[in-house]
Structure formats: structure tokens, C-alpha cells
Amino acid sequence: MLLTEERNISLKPPMNKILCSSVAYNGTAVLIRMDQPNQKETLVHLNDKGEILWERTYNDVIDVFV
């Protein structure tokens, strides 16, 4: 079994469009947020409280993350 727990994260600040998300180490999460359609996407690392730890905006479309 891959997942053994379920967690809700309240995003701070709220985000309008999330393209994909994944769990990360120590209860954190990583997601790709769309800032401007077909123009800018942001890779965001969140703590377990939904606060942004790190983010990086790209002018290109981010297809996947590992």
C-alpha cells in the first residue's frame, strides 16, 4: 500500500488553479500552480500548514515534476 494516511492542507494564500500536486518529505507537498494561462506556471513547495516554503515561476509550461 502506497498511502496510509489522508491529510487536508489549507492553502495560504488561496490558489485559483492547481494543475497537479504530490506529497513530499516530512508531511510537505509540492504543486504546480497556473498563474497566467499558457504563459506562466509556478512550482510551489508547501509545509503541512499550507504555507509556501519555496516557489519558482517559469515562463514555459511545466509538463511534469518528479
C-alpha atoms as a PDB file:
ATOM      1  CA  MET A   1       0.000   0.000   0.000  1.00  0.00           C
ATOM      2  CA  LEU A   2       1.458   3.350  -1.021  1.00  0.00           C
ATOM      3  CA  LEU A   3      -0.650   5.768   1.011  1.00  0.00           C
ATOM      4  CA  THR A   4      -1.532   5.081   4.613  1.00  0.00           C
ATOM      5  CA  GLU A   5      -2.909   8.447   5.688  1.00  0.00           C
ATOM      6  CA  GLU A   6      -5.036  11.293   4.415  1.00  0.00           C
ATOM      7  CA  ARG A   7      -4.351  14.982   5.004  1.00  0.00           C
ATOM      8  CA  ASN A   8      -6.116  18.265   4.224  1.00  0.00           C
ATOM      9  CA  ILE A   9      -3.980  21.355   3.658  1.00  0.00           C
ATOM     10  CA  SER A  10      -5.481  24.862   3.765  1.00  0.00           C
ATOM     11  CA  LEU A  11      -3.555  26.933   1.242  1.00  0.00           C
ATOM     12  CA  LYS A  12      -2.143  30.260   2.444  1.00  0.00           C
ATOM     13  CA  PRO A  13      -2.694  32.249   0.254  1.00  0.00           C
ATOM     14  CA  PRO A  14      -5.502  30.513  -1.700  1.00  0.00           C
ATOM     15  CA  MET A  15      -4.577  29.481  -5.252  1.00  0.00           C
ATOM     16  CA  ASN A  16      -7.006  29.716  -8.180  1.00  0.00           C
ATOM     17  CA  LYS A  17      -5.743  26.915 -10.446  1.00  0.00           C
ATOM     18  CA  ILE A  18      -3.647  23.928  -9.351  1.00  0.00           C
ATOM     19  CA  LEU A  19      -2.545  21.709 -12.228  1.00  0.00           C
ATOM     20  CA  CYS A  20      -1.027  18.845 -10.241  1.00  0.00           C
ATOM     21  CA  SER A  21       0.161  18.081  -6.733  1.00  0.00           C
ATOM     22  CA  SER A  22       2.148  15.477  -4.853  1.00  0.00           C
ATOM     23  CA  VAL A  23       3.163  14.657  -1.313  1.00  0.00           C
ATOM     24  CA  ALA A  24       6.786  15.292  -0.367  1.00  0.00           C
ATOM     25  CA  TYR A  25       9.043  14.541   2.611  1.00  0.00           C
ATOM     26  CA  ASN A  26       8.181  15.382   6.251  1.00  0.00           C
ATOM     27  CA  GLY A  27       4.480  15.962   5.569  1.00  0.00           C
ATOM     28  CA  THR A  28       5.066  18.677   2.968  1.00  0.00           C
ATOM     29  CA  ALA A  29       3.567  18.934  -0.525  1.00  0.00           C
ATOM     30  CA  VAL A  30       4.620  20.130  -3.965  1.00  0.00           C
ATOM     31  CA  LEU A  31       2.284  21.523  -6.602  1.00  0.00           C
ATOM     32  CA  ILE A  32       2.220  23.335  -9.914  1.00  0.00           C
ATOM     33  CA  ARG A  33       0.081  26.465  -9.912  1.00  0.00           C
ATOM     34  CA  MET A  34      -1.090  28.244 -13.071  1.00  0.00           C
ATOM     35  CA  ASP A  35      -0.609  31.998 -12.731  1.00  0.00           C
ATOM     36  CA  GLN A  36      -1.420  33.124 -16.289  1.00  0.00           C
ATOM     37  CA  PRO A  37      -2.979  30.668 -18.760  1.00  0.00           C
ATOM     38  CA  ASN A  38      -0.468  29.486 -21.386  1.00  0.00           C
ATOM     39  CA  GLN A  39       2.144  31.922 -20.059  1.00  0.00           C
ATOM     40  CA  LYS A  40       3.338  31.330 -16.509  1.00  0.00           C
ATOM     41  CA  GLU A  41       3.296  28.386 -14.125  1.00  0.00           C
ATOM     42  CA  THR A  42       4.825  28.174 -10.664  1.00  0.00           C
ATOM     43  CA  LEU A  43       6.357  25.215  -8.855  1.00  0.00           C
ATOM     44  CA  VAL A  44       5.433  25.557  -5.161  1.00  0.00           C
ATOM     45  CA  HIS A  45       6.661  23.664  -2.068  1.00  0.00           C
ATOM     46  CA  LEU A  46       4.282  23.894   0.927  1.00  0.00           C
ATOM     47  CA  ASN A  47       4.643  22.949   4.572  1.00  0.00           C
ATOM     48  CA  ASP A  48       1.996  20.863   6.353  1.00  0.00           C
ATOM     49  CA  LYS A  49       0.061  24.049   7.261  1.00  0.00           C
ATOM     50  CA  GLY A  50      -0.256  25.165   3.616  1.00  0.00           C
ATOM     51  CA  GLU A  51       2.322  27.949   3.894  1.00  0.00           C
ATOM     52  CA  ILE A  52       4.708  28.454   0.980  1.00  0.00           C
ATOM     53  CA  LEU A  53       8.261  27.334   1.747  1.00  0.00           C
ATOM     54  CA  TRP A  54       9.658  27.891  -1.737  1.00  0.00           C
ATOM     55  CA  GLU A  55       8.344  28.826  -5.162  1.00  0.00           C
ATOM     56  CA  ARG A  56       9.781  29.325  -8.632  1.00  0.00           C
ATOM     57  CA  THR A  57       7.919  30.792 -11.612  1.00  0.00           C
ATOM     58  CA  TYR A  58       8.591  29.566 -15.135  1.00  0.00           C
ATOM     59  CA  ASN A  59       7.610  31.304 -18.381  1.00  0.00           C
ATOM     60  CA  ASP A  60       7.212  27.908 -20.056  1.00  0.00           C
ATOM     61  CA  VAL A  61       4.693  25.163 -19.427  1.00  0.00           C
ATOM     62  CA  ILE A  62       5.854  22.663 -16.809  1.00  0.00           C
ATOM     63  CA  ASP A  63       4.807  19.267 -18.156  1.00  0.00           C
ATOM     64  CA  VAL A  64       5.769  17.066 -15.196  1.00  0.00           C
ATOM     65  CA  PHE A  65       7.731  17.083 -11.983  1.00  0.00           C
ATOM     66  CA  VAL A  66       9.482  14.314 -10.127  1.00  0.00           C
END
